[in-house]
Amino acid sequence: MKKRKRKKLTRHSEKNKKKEGKRLLISNIYFYILIYQNKKSKENRT
């Protein structure tokens, strides 16, 4: 029983890791877009 529970937990944690990775990727892309827009606006001003 205990071993089965452990397997379920690991599987669940793997899913969570994947979700976290996706979230990190999305946040990184969003951050990059923000920086890119800031650079563009600065270039337009000069």
PDB file of N, CA and C in Angstrom:
ATOM      1  N   MET A   1       0.833  -1.210   0.000  1.00  0.00           N
ATOM      2  CA  MET A   1       0.000   0.000   0.000  1.00  0.00           C
ATOM      3  C   MET A   1       0.870   1.264   0.000  1.00  0.00           C
ATOM      4  N   LYS A   2       1.849   1.275   0.883  1.00  0.00           N
ATOM      5  CA  LYS A   2       2.707   2.460   0.990  1.00  0.00           C
ATOM      6  C   LYS A   2       3.444   2.721  -0.318  1.00  0.00           C
ATOM      7  N   LYS A   3       3.948   1.630  -0.926  1.00  0.00           N
ATOM      8  CA  LYS A   3       4.685   1.779  -2.184  1.00  0.00           C
ATOM      9  C   LYS A   3       3.774   2.376  -3.271  1.00  0.00           C
ATOM     10  N   ARG A   4       2.542   1.873  -3.331  1.00  0.00           N
ATOM     11  CA  ARG A   4       1.591   2.387  -4.319  1.00  0.00           C
ATOM     12  C   ARG A   4       1.381   3.888  -4.125  1.00  0.00           C
ATOM     13  N   LYS A   5       1.199   4.282  -2.878  1.00  0.00           N
ATOM     14  CA  LYS A   5       0.973   5.705  -2.582  1.00  0.00           C
ATOM     15  C   LYS A   5       2.159   6.530  -3.060  1.00  0.00           C
ATOM     16  N   ARG A   6       3.366   6.007  -2.811  1.00  0.00           N
ATOM     17  CA  ARG A   6       4.571   6.727  -3.220  1.00  0.00           C
ATOM     18  C   ARG A   6       4.584   6.928  -4.730  1.00  0.00           C
ATOM     19  N   LYS A   7       4.255   5.862  -5.471  1.00  0.00           N
ATOM     20  CA  LYS A   7       4.236   5.955  -6.934  1.00  0.00           C
ATOM     21  C   LYS A   7       3.266   7.054  -7.385  1.00  0.00           C
ATOM     22  N   LYS A   8       2.081   7.060  -6.806  1.00  0.00           N
ATOM     23  CA  LYS A   8       1.076   8.070  -7.164  1.00  0.00           C
ATOM     24  C   LYS A   8       1.629   9.477  -6.904  1.00  0.00           C
ATOM     25  N   LEU A   9       2.267   9.623  -5.740  1.00  0.00           N
ATOM     26  CA  LEU A   9       2.806  10.934  -5.374  1.00  0.00           C
ATOM     27  C   LEU A   9       3.851  11.392  -6.385  1.00  0.00           C
ATOM     28  N   THR A  10       4.752  10.485  -6.762  1.00  0.00           N
ATOM     29  CA  THR A  10       5.807  10.869  -7.696  1.00  0.00           C
ATOM     30  C   THR A  10       5.200  11.259  -9.041  1.00  0.00           C
ATOM     31  N   ARG A  11       4.216  10.476  -9.475  1.00  0.00           N
ATOM     32  CA  ARG A  11       3.578  10.783 -10.749  1.00  0.00           C
ATOM     33  C   ARG A  11       2.940  12.172 -10.691  1.00  0.00           C
ATOM     34  N   HIS A  12       2.272  12.431  -9.570  1.00  0.00           N
ATOM     35  CA  HIS A  12       1.604  13.715  -9.392  1.00  0.00           C
ATOM     36  C   HIS A  12       2.621  14.858  -9.391  1.00  0.00           C
ATOM     37  N   SER A  13       3.732  14.636  -8.690  1.00  0.00           N
ATOM     38  CA  SER A  13       4.761  15.679  -8.601  1.00  0.00           C
ATOM     39  C   SER A  13       5.345  15.943  -9.991  1.00  0.00           C
ATOM     40  N   GLU A  14       5.502  14.884 -10.788  1.00  0.00           N
ATOM     41  CA  GLU A  14       6.010  15.060 -12.147  1.00  0.00           C
ATOM     42  C   GLU A  14       5.073  15.946 -12.952  1.00  0.00           C
ATOM     43  N   LYS A  15       3.768  15.705 -12.818  1.00  0.00           N
ATOM     44  CA  LYS A  15       2.775  16.529 -13.514  1.00  0.00           C
ATOM     45  C   LYS A  15       2.904  17.983 -13.058  1.00  0.00           C
ATOM     46  N   ASN A  16       3.048  18.177 -11.739  1.00  0.00           N
ATOM     47  CA  ASN A  16       3.187  19.525 -11.198  1.00  0.00           C
ATOM     48  C   ASN A  16       4.433  20.204 -11.742  1.00  0.00           C
ATOM     49  N   LYS A  17       5.522  19.431 -11.838  1.00  0.00           N
ATOM     50  CA  LYS A  17       6.772  19.981 -12.367  1.00  0.00           C
ATOM     51  C   LYS A  17       6.556  20.467 -13.798  1.00  0.00           C
ATOM     52  N   LYS A  18       5.864  19.650 -14.596  1.00  0.00           N
ATOM     53  CA  LYS A  18       5.578  20.034 -15.983  1.00  0.00           C
ATOM     54  C   LYS A  18       4.768  21.327 -16.009  1.00  0.00           C
ATOM     55  N   LYS A  19       3.748  21.392 -15.160  1.00  0.00           N
ATOM     56  CA  LYS A  19       2.902  22.593 -15.091  1.00  0.00           C
ATOM     57  C   LYS A  19       3.749  23.798 -14.707  1.00  0.00           C
ATOM     58  N   GLU A  20       4.612  23.621 -13.693  1.00  0.00           N
ATOM     59  CA  GLU A  20       5.472  24.711 -13.241  1.00  0.00           C
ATOM     60  C   GLU A  20       6.377  25.169 -14.370  1.00  0.00           C
ATOM     61  N   GLY A  21       6.940  24.198 -15.095  1.00  0.00           N
ATOM     62  CA  GLY A  21       7.818  24.519 -16.214  1.00  0.00           C
ATOM     63  C   GLY A  21       7.096  25.350 -17.261  1.00  0.00           C
ATOM     64  N   LYS A  22       5.878  24.939 -17.591  1.00  0.00           N
ATOM     65  CA  LYS A  22       5.080  25.686 -18.570  1.00  0.00           C
ATOM     66  C   LYS A  22       4.841  27.106 -18.072  1.00  0.00           C
ATOM     67  N   ARG A  23       4.498  27.214 -16.763  1.00  0.00           N
ATOM     68  CA  ARG A  23       4.207  28.527 -16.192  1.00  0.00           C
ATOM     69  C   ARG A  23       5.455  29.411 -16.265  1.00  0.00           C
ATOM     70  N   LEU A  24       6.619  28.819 -15.938  1.00  0.00           N
ATOM     71  CA  LEU A  24       7.883  29.558 -15.971  1.00  0.00           C
ATOM     72  C   LEU A  24       8.164  30.026 -17.399  1.00  0.00           C
ATOM     73  N   LEU A  25       7.958  29.127 -18.361  1.00  0.00           N
ATOM     74  CA  LEU A  25       8.212  29.467 -19.758  1.00  0.00           C
ATOM     75  C   LEU A  25       7.340  30.640 -20.172  1.00  0.00           C
ATOM     76  N   ILE A  26       6.052  30.583 -19.837  1.00  0.00           N
ATOM     77  CA  ILE A  26       5.120  31.650 -20.205  1.00  0.00           C
ATOM     78  C   ILE A  26       5.543  32.970 -19.562  1.00  0.00           C
ATOM     79  N   SER A  27       5.900  32.920 -18.275  1.00  0.00           N
ATOM     80  CA  SER A  27       6.304  34.144 -17.572  1.00  0.00           C
ATOM     81  C   SER A  27       7.581  34.702 -18.181  1.00  0.00           C
ATOM     82  N   ASN A  28       8.509  33.815 -18.573  1.00  0.00           N
ATOM     83  CA  ASN A  28       9.756  34.267 -19.190  1.00  0.00           C
ATOM     84  C   ASN A  28       9.472  34.962 -20.518  1.00  0.00           C
ATOM     85  N   ILE A  29       8.590  34.363 -21.315  1.00  0.00           N
ATOM     86  CA  ILE A  29       8.234  34.956 -22.611  1.00  0.00           C
ATOM     87  C   ILE A  29       7.595  36.323 -22.385  1.00  0.00           C
ATOM     88  N   TYR A  30       6.684  36.410 -21.416  1.00  0.00           N
ATOM     89  CA  TYR A  30       6.006  37.672 -21.104  1.00  0.00           C
ATOM     90  C   TYR A  30       7.022  38.728 -20.698  1.00  0.00           C
ATOM     91  N   PHE A  31       7.965  38.332 -19.830  1.00  0.00           N
ATOM     92  CA  PHE A  31       9.010  39.250 -19.359  1.00  0.00           C
ATOM     93  C   PHE A  31       9.844  39.738 -20.544  1.00  0.00           C
ATOM     94  N   TYR A  32      10.212  38.802 -21.439  1.00  0.00           N
ATOM     95  CA  TYR A  32      11.023  39.142 -22.606  1.00  0.00           C
ATOM     96  C   TYR A  32      10.284  40.137 -23.495  1.00  0.00           C
ATOM     97  N   ILE A  33       8.986  39.912 -23.687  1.00  0.00           N
ATOM     98  CA  ILE A  33       8.179  40.814 -24.519  1.00  0.00           C
ATOM     99  C   ILE A  33       8.166  42.206 -23.901  1.00  0.00           C
ATOM    100  N   LEU A  34       8.005  42.277 -22.578  1.00  0.00           N
ATOM    101  CA  LEU A  34       7.992  43.572 -21.890  1.00  0.00           C
ATOM    102  C   LEU A  34       9.311  44.307 -22.128  1.00  0.00           C
ATOM    103  N   ILE A  35      10.428  43.603 -21.956  1.00  0.00           N
ATOM    104  CA  ILE A  35      11.749  44.222 -22.159  1.00  0.00           C
ATOM    105  C   ILE A  35      11.875  44.679 -23.608  1.00  0.00           C
ATOM    106  N   TYR A  36      11.455  43.825 -24.546  1.00  0.00           N
ATOM    107  CA  TYR A  36      11.548  44.147 -25.970  1.00  0.00           C
ATOM    108  C   TYR A  36      10.750  45.413 -26.283  1.00  0.00           C
ATOM    109  N   GLN A  37       9.531  45.511 -25.724  1.00  0.00           N
ATOM    110  CA  GLN A  37       8.689  46.686 -25.958  1.00  0.00           C
ATOM    111  C   GLN A  37       9.368  47.933 -25.387  1.00  0.00           C
ATOM    112  N   ASN A  38       9.969  47.808 -24.195  1.00  0.00           N
ATOM    113  CA  ASN A  38      10.654  48.937 -23.578  1.00  0.00           C
ATOM    114  C   ASN A  38      11.798  49.413 -24.465  1.00  0.00           C
ATOM    115  N   LYS A  39      12.568  48.468 -24.998  1.00  0.00           N
ATOM    116  CA  LYS A  39      13.686  48.817 -25.879  1.00  0.00           C
ATOM    117  C   LYS A  39      13.155  49.544 -27.119  1.00  0.00           C
ATOM    118  N   LYS A  40      12.090  49.018 -27.695  1.00  0.00           N
ATOM    119  CA  LYS A  40      11.504  49.620 -28.903  1.00  0.00           C
ATOM    120  C   LYS A  40      11.059  51.055 -28.616  1.00  0.00           C
ATOM    121  N   SER A  41      10.377  51.258 -27.510  1.00  0.00           N
ATOM    122  CA  SER A  41       9.868  52.589 -27.172  1.00  0.00           C
ATOM    123  C   SER A  41      11.041  53.550 -26.970  1.00  0.00           C
ATOM    124  N   LYS A  42      12.111  53.082 -26.346  1.00  0.00           N
ATOM    125  CA  LYS A  42      13.289  53.930 -26.139  1.00  0.00           C
ATOM    126  C   LYS A  42      13.915  54.294 -27.479  1.00  0.00           C
ATOM    127  N   GLU A  43      13.980  53.327 -28.402  1.00  0.00           N
ATOM    128  CA  GLU A  43      14.552  53.576 -29.722  1.00  0.00           C
ATOM    129  C   GLU A  43      13.701  54.599 -30.475  1.00  0.00           C
ATOM    130  N   ASN A  44      12.404  54.517 -30.327  1.00  0.00           N
ATOM    131  CA  ASN A  44      11.505  55.443 -31.018  1.00  0.00           C
ATOM    132  C   ASN A  44      11.676  56.867 -30.486  1.00  0.00           C
ATOM    133  N   ARG A  45      11.956  57.018 -29.204  1.00  0.00           N
ATOM    134  CA  ARG A  45      12.100  58.341 -28.610  1.00  0.00           C
ATOM    135  C   ARG A  45      13.318  59.061 -29.155  1.00  0.00           C
ATOM    136  N   THR A  46      14.423  58.319 -29.326  1.00  0.00           N
ATOM    137  CA  THR A  46      15.662  58.970 -29.782  1.00  0.00           C
ATOM    138  C   THR A  46      15.642  59.271 -31.265  1.00  0.00           C
TER     139      THR A  46
END
